Protein backbone atom coordinates (compact mmCIF):
# COMPACT_ATOMS: atom_id res chain seq x y z
CA UNK A 1 -9.28 6.33 -27.01
CA UNK A 2 -6.92 5.01 -29.68
CA UNK A 3 -7.01 1.46 -28.26
CA UNK A 4 -3.21 1.54 -28.01
CA UNK A 5 -2.21 -0.35 -24.86
CA UNK A 6 1.48 -0.84 -25.69
CA UNK A 7 2.65 1.74 -23.12
CA UNK A 8 0.29 1.85 -20.13
CA UNK A 9 0.44 5.11 -18.23
CA UNK A 10 -0.37 4.11 -14.65
CA UNK A 11 1.91 3.77 -11.66
CA UNK A 12 1.93 0.46 -9.84
CA UNK A 13 1.12 2.25 -6.59
CA UNK A 14 -2.04 3.71 -8.14
CA UNK A 15 -3.04 0.36 -9.58
CA UNK A 16 -2.60 -1.25 -6.15
CA UNK A 17 -4.63 1.50 -4.47
CA UNK A 18 -7.50 0.98 -6.91
CA UNK A 19 -7.26 -2.79 -6.51
CA UNK A 20 -7.50 -2.47 -2.71
CA UNK A 21 -10.60 -0.28 -3.06
CA UNK A 22 -12.17 -2.80 -5.41
CA UNK A 23 -11.35 -5.69 -3.07
CA UNK A 24 -12.93 -3.87 -0.15
CA UNK A 25 -16.13 -3.29 -2.11
CA UNK A 26 -16.18 -6.83 -3.52
CA UNK A 27 -15.73 -8.40 -0.10
CA UNK A 28 -18.51 -6.21 1.26
CA UNK A 29 -20.78 -7.69 -1.40
CA UNK A 30 -19.67 -11.23 -0.63
CA UNK A 31 -17.94 -11.74 -3.98
CA UNK A 32 -15.11 -14.22 -4.52
CA UNK A 33 -11.77 -12.36 -4.57
CA UNK A 34 -9.19 -15.16 -4.54
CA UNK A 35 -7.75 -14.28 -7.97
CA UNK A 36 -7.49 -10.61 -7.12
CA UNK A 37 -5.90 -11.44 -3.78
CA UNK A 38 -3.15 -13.13 -5.78
CA UNK A 39 -2.70 -10.01 -7.89
CA UNK A 40 -2.52 -7.94 -4.70
CA UNK A 41 0.31 -10.13 -3.47
CA UNK A 42 2.20 -9.57 -6.72
CA UNK A 43 1.77 -5.80 -6.57
């Protein structure tokens, strides 16, 4: 709420889980996911 993003408070595993859920939904809708696939590979 303070717009302070200097110290994010999210575990990489949780970020990856959410990304995988988003990718699944996006693919189901036929959206382009190439950029997010790259992020998945990094995580």
